[in-house]
Every structure is written in structure tokens, then in C-alpha cells.
């Protein structure tokens, strides 16, 4: 396989090289996720035997979000753009969603494809984050009120969800019982998402340039995840359940909060562009 890089210039003025292996992984992730999510939306009945009726709207909301993100990811990769501000949160959401399906053993006819989407998205995300952190080392850190807002958003989210999930798990640990459903969320949040949010908060607060890169990923992921949960509240009719739009209000508020953080990080990139930097950052071969 050729490993010649696909090169473009990022908004910050840094030349980024998207390696062929990374481009292939992104394309594979997008194609597999698009097929699986479209199949889930076309035939929601395939989930009825493997998830409870209460969880089914969440699966459909996740499929609808994954389909939209997969198509955007496919277009960006086909145009030889890294588009990390959009692509990395999309990859993280796909890895998270199909990680849930894999861990919860959502064994439909597409289960092996779920595993393939999880694998491709995870490795594409690892390569993208590693490259993004290298690029960030040569950029200006976030400053001013934006630094405080982003650090507080990431830090308080990590703290609040960590406390909530540990509190929810404590009765199970004391009794020896196992959570019956969606315990994968506790696992993935406590092991991966919340530590990443805490790290983004710490780097941003300490004016570490890497805080901007990781903060962009985590606020983007947070916005997409909360939007997916909001969408799930109106997907009830597809699962023969009533729609509950009012129940979506808390997650819509969180969607807006994360989106605000993501936009503030974008604004910082544009502002710091007044200090031009032009250097090539080679991707891992």
C-alpha cells in the first residue's frame, strides 16, 4: 500500500499531511458506519430481539447521527481534507457508538460490521489525535476568557459525570450484582471520555497548546453525543413509543454548551492566525 501523504494547509497556517493509511481507515470507517446505520434506520426491527424497547429510540438516534457523520467524513476524505475539527469528533462518536454495540453484544446480522467500524474508527482516531497533538505543539495556546470557559466546561463535565457514574456503580459493587444494560457507557466514559475531558481542561488551564487540539475534539464529541441523545427523544414513534420532545431539553442545553466551547476554540484559531506559522508536519508513516 502506498503511504504517500495527502497534503493540505490547515486554517492555522500549519501544513498537515494526512497519511494514506489514515485516509484508508477514515474511508473504511465512513463506509461501514454509513451502511450499518442506514440498515438500522431502514429496519429498526432488527434491534427488537437484542435491546429493550426503552433503549431502542437511543439506538435509532445514534444510527441517524452516525449516518450523517459518516457521510460528512466520507466527503471530507474523498476531497483529500483532514478536516480534523469535524473528522476527529465524528470518528470518536462512531468508535463510542459501535463500542457500545460491541460491548453490549447487540448481535444483529451486522454485528461483525460493528466490530469492523469500531476497529477502523479507533485506529483512525489514534492516528489523527497523535498527529493533531504534534501540530498543536507549534501553535498559540488558548488565552483570555475563552481559556477559562473551555477549561471549566471540560473540567466540570468530567467531574460531574465521573461522580454520577461512580455513584451509580457503587450499589452494584457492594451487592455483587451486575448492571443489566448499558454498563458499557460506564466503562467507556470512566476509562476514556472523562479522563480525556479532564486532560483537555488541565492543558487548557495551564496554557498548554495541546489543550486546544484535545479540547476541540472533546467539545465536538460532547456536542454530537448530546445531539444524538436529544434526537433519540423524538425517535420514539419509530419504536412504537411516544415521542418526548420535552425530555430532550436537558441534552439540548448540553449540546449548546459543548457547541459553544467548540466555536470558542475555532475563534481562537482564527484570531491566532495573525501570528503566521508555516511548517510541515509529517504524518506517521
Protein backbone atom coordinates (compact mmCIF):
# COMPACT_ATOMS: atom_id res chain seq x y z
CA UNK A 1 0.00 0.00 0.00
CA UNK A 2 1.29 3.45 -0.86
CA UNK A 3 1.93 5.70 2.11
CA UNK A 4 2.43 8.96 0.22
CA UNK A 5 0.78 11.74 2.23
CA UNK A 6 -2.24 13.77 1.23
CA UNK A 7 -1.25 17.35 2.00
CA UNK A 8 -3.31 20.44 2.71
CA UNK A 9 -2.88 23.64 4.70
CA UNK A 10 -4.78 23.97 7.95
CA UNK A 11 -6.53 27.21 8.93
CA UNK A 12 -3.76 27.94 11.44
CA UNK A 13 -1.21 28.03 8.62
CA UNK A 14 0.37 24.69 9.53
CA UNK A 15 0.83 22.24 6.68
CA UNK A 16 -0.67 18.89 7.67
CA UNK A 17 -0.03 15.63 5.92
CA UNK A 18 -2.79 13.04 6.11
CA UNK A 19 -1.10 9.71 5.53
CA UNK A 20 -2.56 7.14 3.14
CA UNK A 21 -3.16 4.59 5.94
CA UNK A 22 -5.09 7.22 7.88
CA UNK A 23 -7.12 8.16 4.81
CA UNK A 24 -7.90 4.47 4.17
CA UNK A 25 -9.01 3.95 7.77
CA UNK A 26 -11.24 7.01 7.63
CA UNK A 27 -12.80 5.89 4.36
CA UNK A 28 -13.40 2.37 5.69
CA UNK A 29 -14.93 3.77 8.89
CA UNK A 30 -17.27 6.05 6.95
CA UNK A 31 -18.41 3.36 4.53
CA UNK A 32 -19.03 0.71 7.20
CA UNK A 33 -20.78 3.13 9.56
CA UNK A 34 -22.96 4.51 6.76
CA UNK A 35 -24.09 1.02 5.72
CA UNK A 36 -24.75 -0.20 9.29
CA UNK A 37 -26.57 2.94 10.41
CA UNK A 38 -28.69 3.10 7.26
CA UNK A 39 -29.62 -0.57 7.75
CA UNK A 40 -30.66 0.16 11.33
CA UNK A 41 -32.86 3.06 10.28
CA UNK A 42 -34.44 1.14 7.40
CA UNK A 43 -35.19 -1.91 9.53
CA UNK A 44 -35.45 -0.94 13.24
CA UNK A 45 -36.97 -4.33 13.92
CA UNK A 46 -33.53 -5.93 13.86
CA UNK A 47 -32.85 -4.37 17.27
CA UNK A 48 -36.01 -5.62 18.98
CA UNK A 49 -34.58 -9.03 19.80
CA UNK A 50 -31.35 -7.66 21.28
CA UNK A 51 -32.25 -4.41 23.09
CA UNK A 52 -35.11 -3.43 25.37
CA UNK A 53 -37.90 -1.22 23.98
CA UNK A 54 -36.76 1.65 26.22
CA UNK A 55 -33.29 1.63 24.64
CA UNK A 56 -34.48 1.30 21.04
CA UNK A 57 -35.03 5.06 20.44
CA UNK A 58 -31.46 5.67 21.59
CA UNK A 59 -30.17 3.15 19.05
CA UNK A 60 -32.12 4.88 16.29
CA UNK A 61 -30.91 8.32 17.35
CA UNK A 62 -27.37 7.00 17.34
CA UNK A 63 -27.84 5.49 13.87
CA UNK A 64 -29.22 8.74 12.46
CA UNK A 65 -26.30 10.73 13.87
CA UNK A 66 -23.73 8.15 12.76
CA UNK A 67 -25.14 8.17 9.22
CA UNK A 68 -24.84 11.96 8.94
CA UNK A 69 -21.31 11.96 10.37
CA UNK A 70 -20.21 9.06 8.17
CA UNK A 71 -21.34 10.87 5.02
CA UNK A 72 -19.54 14.07 6.07
CA UNK A 73 -16.41 12.08 6.87
CA UNK A 74 -16.56 10.31 3.53
CA UNK A 75 -16.89 13.58 1.60
CA UNK A 76 -14.03 15.24 3.52
CA UNK A 77 -11.70 12.27 2.98
CA UNK A 78 -12.63 11.98 -0.70
CA UNK A 79 -11.68 15.64 -1.12
CA UNK A 80 -8.28 14.95 0.47
CA UNK A 81 -9.06 17.09 3.51
CA UNK A 82 -8.13 16.12 7.03
CA UNK A 83 -10.86 18.44 8.41
CA UNK A 84 -9.84 17.39 11.90
CA UNK A 85 -12.21 19.78 13.64
CA UNK A 86 -15.09 17.77 12.17
CA UNK A 87 -13.46 14.43 11.41
CA UNK A 88 -11.97 13.61 14.83
CA UNK A 89 -15.22 14.16 16.78
CA UNK A 90 -17.02 12.12 14.10
CA UNK A 91 -14.53 9.27 14.46
CA UNK A 92 -14.79 9.44 18.25
CA UNK A 93 -18.60 9.29 18.10
CA UNK A 94 -18.54 6.31 15.73
CA UNK A 95 -15.99 4.50 17.92
CA UNK A 96 -18.06 5.23 21.02
CA UNK A 97 -21.35 4.15 19.44
CA UNK A 98 -20.10 0.91 17.96
CA UNK A 99 -18.11 0.29 21.13
CA UNK A 100 -21.46 0.23 22.93
CA UNK A 101 -22.89 -2.18 20.38
CA UNK A 102 -19.82 -4.42 20.66
CA UNK A 103 -19.67 -4.49 24.48
CA UNK A 104 -23.42 -4.81 24.94
CA UNK A 105 -23.44 -7.68 22.41
CA UNK A 106 -26.01 -6.08 20.14
CA UNK A 107 -25.80 -9.13 17.91
CA UNK A 108 -27.73 -8.35 14.77
CA UNK A 109 -26.78 -9.58 11.30
CA UNK A 110 -24.42 -6.57 11.17
CA UNK A 111 -22.51 -7.35 14.38
CA UNK A 112 -19.21 -8.20 12.64
CA UNK A 113 -19.51 -4.92 10.73
CA UNK A 114 -19.99 -3.12 14.07
CA UNK A 115 -16.67 -4.59 15.21
CA UNK A 116 -15.02 -3.51 11.96
CA UNK A 117 -16.36 0.04 12.35
CA UNK A 118 -15.11 0.14 15.94
CA UNK A 119 -11.64 -1.05 14.93
CA UNK A 120 -11.25 1.31 11.96
CA UNK A 121 -12.62 4.33 13.81
CA UNK A 122 -10.43 3.70 16.85
CA UNK A 123 -7.18 3.42 14.90
CA UNK A 124 -8.05 6.35 12.65
CA UNK A 125 -8.76 8.37 15.79
CA UNK A 126 -5.47 7.36 17.41
CA UNK A 127 -3.51 8.40 14.32
CA UNK A 128 -5.45 11.66 13.98
CA UNK A 129 -5.08 12.66 17.63
CA UNK A 130 -1.36 11.86 17.66
CA UNK A 131 -0.85 14.00 14.55
CA UNK A 132 -3.05 16.77 15.91
CA UNK A 133 -1.12 16.96 19.18
CA UNK A 134 2.16 17.22 17.26
CA UNK A 135 0.75 20.08 15.20
CA UNK A 136 -0.65 21.81 18.30
CA UNK A 137 2.79 21.91 19.91
CA UNK A 138 3.74 24.70 17.48
CA UNK A 139 0.61 26.86 17.89
CA UNK A 140 -0.52 29.55 20.29
CA UNK A 141 -2.35 28.35 23.44
CA UNK A 142 -5.89 29.47 24.16
CA UNK A 143 -5.95 32.69 26.20
CA UNK A 144 -8.27 35.08 27.96
CA UNK A 145 -11.87 34.37 28.93
CA UNK A 146 -12.10 31.65 26.28
CA UNK A 147 -9.46 29.66 28.13
CA UNK A 148 -11.46 29.84 31.36
CA UNK A 149 -14.75 28.89 29.68
CA UNK A 150 -13.32 25.89 27.82
CA UNK A 151 -11.34 24.64 30.82
CA UNK A 152 -14.40 24.98 33.09
CA UNK A 153 -16.68 23.25 30.57
CA UNK A 154 -14.38 20.25 30.13
CA UNK A 155 -13.34 20.03 33.78
CA UNK A 156 -16.81 20.33 35.31
CA UNK A 157 -18.27 17.86 32.80
CA UNK A 158 -15.57 15.33 33.67
CA UNK A 159 -16.12 15.82 37.39
CA UNK A 160 -19.92 15.72 37.26
CA UNK A 161 -20.20 12.59 35.13
CA UNK A 162 -17.42 10.78 36.99
CA UNK A 163 -19.18 11.37 40.31
CA UNK A 164 -22.56 10.40 38.84
CA UNK A 165 -21.31 7.17 37.24
CA UNK A 166 -19.26 6.07 40.25
CA UNK A 167 -22.28 6.72 42.48
CA UNK A 168 -24.46 4.66 40.13
CA UNK A 169 -21.98 1.79 40.10
CA UNK A 170 -21.34 1.70 43.85
CA UNK A 171 -24.56 -0.20 44.77
CA UNK A 172 -23.73 -2.85 42.18
CA UNK A 173 -20.19 -3.22 43.54
CA UNK A 174 -21.45 -3.57 47.10
CA UNK A 175 -24.13 -6.13 46.26
CA UNK A 176 -22.19 -8.11 43.66
CA UNK A 177 -24.98 -7.59 41.13
CA UNK A 178 -24.26 -6.63 37.52
CA UNK A 179 -25.87 -3.76 35.61
CA UNK A 180 -28.39 -5.30 33.26
CA UNK A 181 -28.00 -2.87 30.36
CA UNK A 182 -25.75 -0.08 29.08
CA UNK A 183 -22.98 -0.75 31.58
CA UNK A 184 -20.70 -0.19 28.56
CA UNK A 185 -21.38 3.54 28.98
CA UNK A 186 -19.92 3.46 32.49
CA UNK A 187 -16.87 1.64 31.16
CA UNK A 188 -16.21 3.90 28.19
CA UNK A 189 -16.96 7.15 29.99
CA UNK A 190 -14.93 6.42 33.11
CA UNK A 191 -11.98 4.86 31.27
CA UNK A 192 -11.73 7.11 28.21
CA UNK A 193 -14.10 10.06 27.84
CA UNK A 194 -13.88 11.62 31.31
CA UNK A 195 -10.08 11.30 31.57
CA UNK A 196 -9.77 12.93 28.13
CA UNK A 197 -12.04 15.79 29.20
CA UNK A 198 -10.04 16.25 32.40
CA UNK A 199 -6.79 16.30 30.42
CA UNK A 200 -8.20 18.85 27.99
CA UNK A 201 -9.27 21.02 30.93
CA UNK A 202 -5.86 20.76 32.58
CA UNK A 203 -3.90 21.54 29.42
CA UNK A 204 -6.19 24.45 28.56
CA UNK A 205 -5.96 25.92 32.06
CA UNK A 206 -2.15 25.57 32.06
CA UNK A 207 -1.99 27.30 28.65
CA UNK A 208 -0.58 24.17 27.04
CA UNK A 209 -1.11 24.43 23.24
CA UNK A 210 -2.24 20.80 23.20
CA UNK A 211 -5.33 21.86 25.14
CA UNK A 212 -6.74 23.47 22.03
CA UNK A 213 -6.43 20.28 19.96
CA UNK A 214 -7.83 17.95 22.62
CA UNK A 215 -10.44 20.49 23.69
CA UNK A 216 -11.69 20.78 20.11
CA UNK A 217 -12.07 17.01 19.90
CA UNK A 218 -13.84 16.65 23.25
CA UNK A 219 -16.21 19.61 22.89
CA UNK A 220 -17.09 18.44 19.38
CA UNK A 221 -17.69 14.92 20.64
CA UNK A 222 -19.78 16.22 23.53
CA UNK A 223 -21.95 18.31 21.21
CA UNK A 224 -22.56 15.39 18.85
CA UNK A 225 -23.28 12.93 21.66
CA UNK A 226 -25.78 15.25 23.33
CA UNK A 227 -27.43 16.00 19.98
CA UNK A 228 -27.79 12.26 19.39
CA UNK A 229 -29.47 11.82 22.79
CA UNK A 230 -31.80 14.72 22.00
CA UNK A 231 -32.69 13.12 18.68
CA UNK A 232 -33.44 9.84 20.46
CA UNK A 233 -36.24 11.53 22.41
CA UNK A 234 -38.17 12.16 19.19
CA UNK A 235 -37.43 8.76 17.64
CA UNK A 236 -39.95 7.01 19.87
CA UNK A 237 -42.63 6.59 17.15
CA UNK A 238 -40.17 4.55 15.08
CA UNK A 239 -40.06 2.11 18.00
CA UNK A 240 -43.82 2.28 18.64
CA UNK A 241 -43.22 4.56 21.63
CA UNK A 242 -44.43 8.13 22.14
CA UNK A 243 -42.10 10.99 21.26
CA UNK A 244 -40.95 13.02 24.26
CA UNK A 245 -39.56 16.32 22.93
CA UNK A 246 -39.63 17.98 26.37
CA UNK A 247 -37.30 15.27 27.69
CA UNK A 248 -34.75 16.45 25.14
CA UNK A 249 -34.38 19.88 26.75
CA UNK A 250 -31.53 18.95 29.17
CA UNK A 251 -29.47 17.34 26.43
CA UNK A 252 -30.20 20.25 24.09
CA UNK A 253 -28.79 22.61 26.73
CA UNK A 254 -25.66 20.45 26.97
CA UNK A 255 -25.45 20.35 23.17
CA UNK A 256 -25.45 24.15 23.11
CA UNK A 257 -22.82 24.33 25.88
CA UNK A 258 -20.42 21.97 24.10
CA UNK A 259 -21.04 23.63 20.74
CA UNK A 260 -20.20 26.98 22.32
CA UNK A 261 -16.90 25.59 23.57
CA UNK A 262 -16.16 24.17 20.14
CA UNK A 263 -16.88 27.52 18.49
CA UNK A 264 -14.73 29.38 21.02
CA UNK A 265 -11.82 27.10 20.14
CA UNK A 266 -12.39 27.79 16.46
CA UNK A 267 -12.45 31.53 17.13
CA UNK A 268 -9.11 31.19 18.89
CA UNK A 269 -7.58 29.54 15.84
CA UNK A 270 -8.74 32.35 13.58
CA UNK A 271 -7.52 35.04 15.98
CA UNK A 272 -4.09 33.49 16.40
CA UNK A 273 -3.68 33.28 12.65
CA UNK A 274 -2.37 36.86 12.85
CA UNK A 275 0.85 35.24 14.06
CA UNK A 276 1.68 33.26 10.95
CA UNK A 277 3.38 29.92 11.23
CA UNK A 278 4.26 27.76 8.25
CA UNK A 279 5.85 24.47 8.84
CA UNK A 280 5.33 20.97 7.53
CA UNK A 281 4.24 18.33 9.98
CA UNK A 282 4.85 14.82 8.56
CA UNK A 283 2.30 12.18 9.38
CA UNK A 284 3.32 8.84 10.87
CA UNK A 285 4.12 6.51 8.02
